[in-house]
Amino acid sequence: MDQQRLEAFMGQFVQDLGAAATAPLVVLGDRLGLYKAMADGSPVTPAELAERTGCRERYVREWLCQQAASGYIEYEDGAFRLPPEHAVALADDESPNFIPGAFQLLSAMVKDEPRIRERFRSGEGMPWGDHDHDLFEGTERFFRPGYLANLNDAWLPALDGVVEKLSAGARVADIGCGHGASTILMAQAFPESSFVGSDIHPASIEAARDAAARAGVDVTFEVASAADFGGGPFDLVCVFDALHDMGDPVGVAAHVRSQLAEDGTWMVVEPYAGDRVEDNLNPVGRVFYAGSTLLCTPNSLSQDVGLALGAQAGERRLAEVLHEGGFEHVRRAAETPFNLVLEVRPATAVMH
């Protein structure tokens, strides 16, 4: 046995355990308004923060100490401070760097571990809608910052001719829209266009409708699966971080093609991944493989076909699925450390 290797692994374990233990405390800080109450950057004592938030000082003191030990906040002379660079990530819901949603999503994954454990033995799937409620809200809050930072300013402009169509007035379908963050952001940027968001999960559609009303945008949200949504032809169809979750992505691709205008575009946004397992053995792959094990693969296996692409399918495998579904043109239009953005079009659209 290599003792140094064992000691290094135990050091990694302590780091991982601390990170895992921090997750529920971030959720607490988010839900109790503790981060927001510190967002001005001024030093605060446990008693002062407790007073601001209506919490008990003894609990707040312990929470503050853990957050300081984690490096999330600073401590000096009996007072604690949330640096502005951290406040934008922990206290600002509208920031493209907002992170508490990721921890909320993680809490749902932990809660559902016993049920997924059963599936490991039975081989059965677990539909998205059967998970803990925190999954649905946490997913929206986790992905929305990335859409806020990239969707209208980088991803849509990377698609050939799409922004021009949206500016003039296009028909857009957002498939698997969840709580509607992506649909609403596009509708706010392109008021001349019409948007329809659909999802198989009724509760998420209700949440999307409420979000659209709060945002003051005219968007239609409906309950429908990716394999049977209607209303085409659409100039643009979008699927954000959802194609790999579907049981029959080839069938979905064929249906999207039937609903797409002759010169239309399908934007497929997927988690960033290389084509080989070795390419994904990194911090980002670590996160996505975890989500894939507990969420994405079980959802796909719960549906017909159950192809179970997984969240780290990679561009080559995705292209194979899209070609099999009837699309001739698949191009990587953009990327971030967390996303691949594919421009998918039939040959007739490319000719135009």
Foldseek 3Di string as FASTA:
>chain_A
DPVVVVVVVVVVVVVVVLVLVCLVLLVVCQVQVLLVLQLVFDWAALVRSCVVRVHDSVVSNVSQVSCCVVVQWHDDDRTITGDNVSSLQRPPLLALNDDSLQSLLVVQLVVCVVVLVVCVVVVAFDAQQNTDPSNLSSVCSHCLSVCSVDVPPPQQVLAPPRVVCLQQEWEEEEEQCFLPSNVLVSCVVRVRYAYEYEHQHVVRQVNNVVVCVVVVGDHHYDYDHLLDDADAQGQEYEYAQPLLLAQQSLSSLLSNVVRHDLQHKYKYKAWDAAQDPVRQPDPLSVVQQSCLSRPRQSNNSNDPNSPNCGRHNHDVNVVVSNVSSQWDDWDQRDDDNTITIIITHHPSNVVD
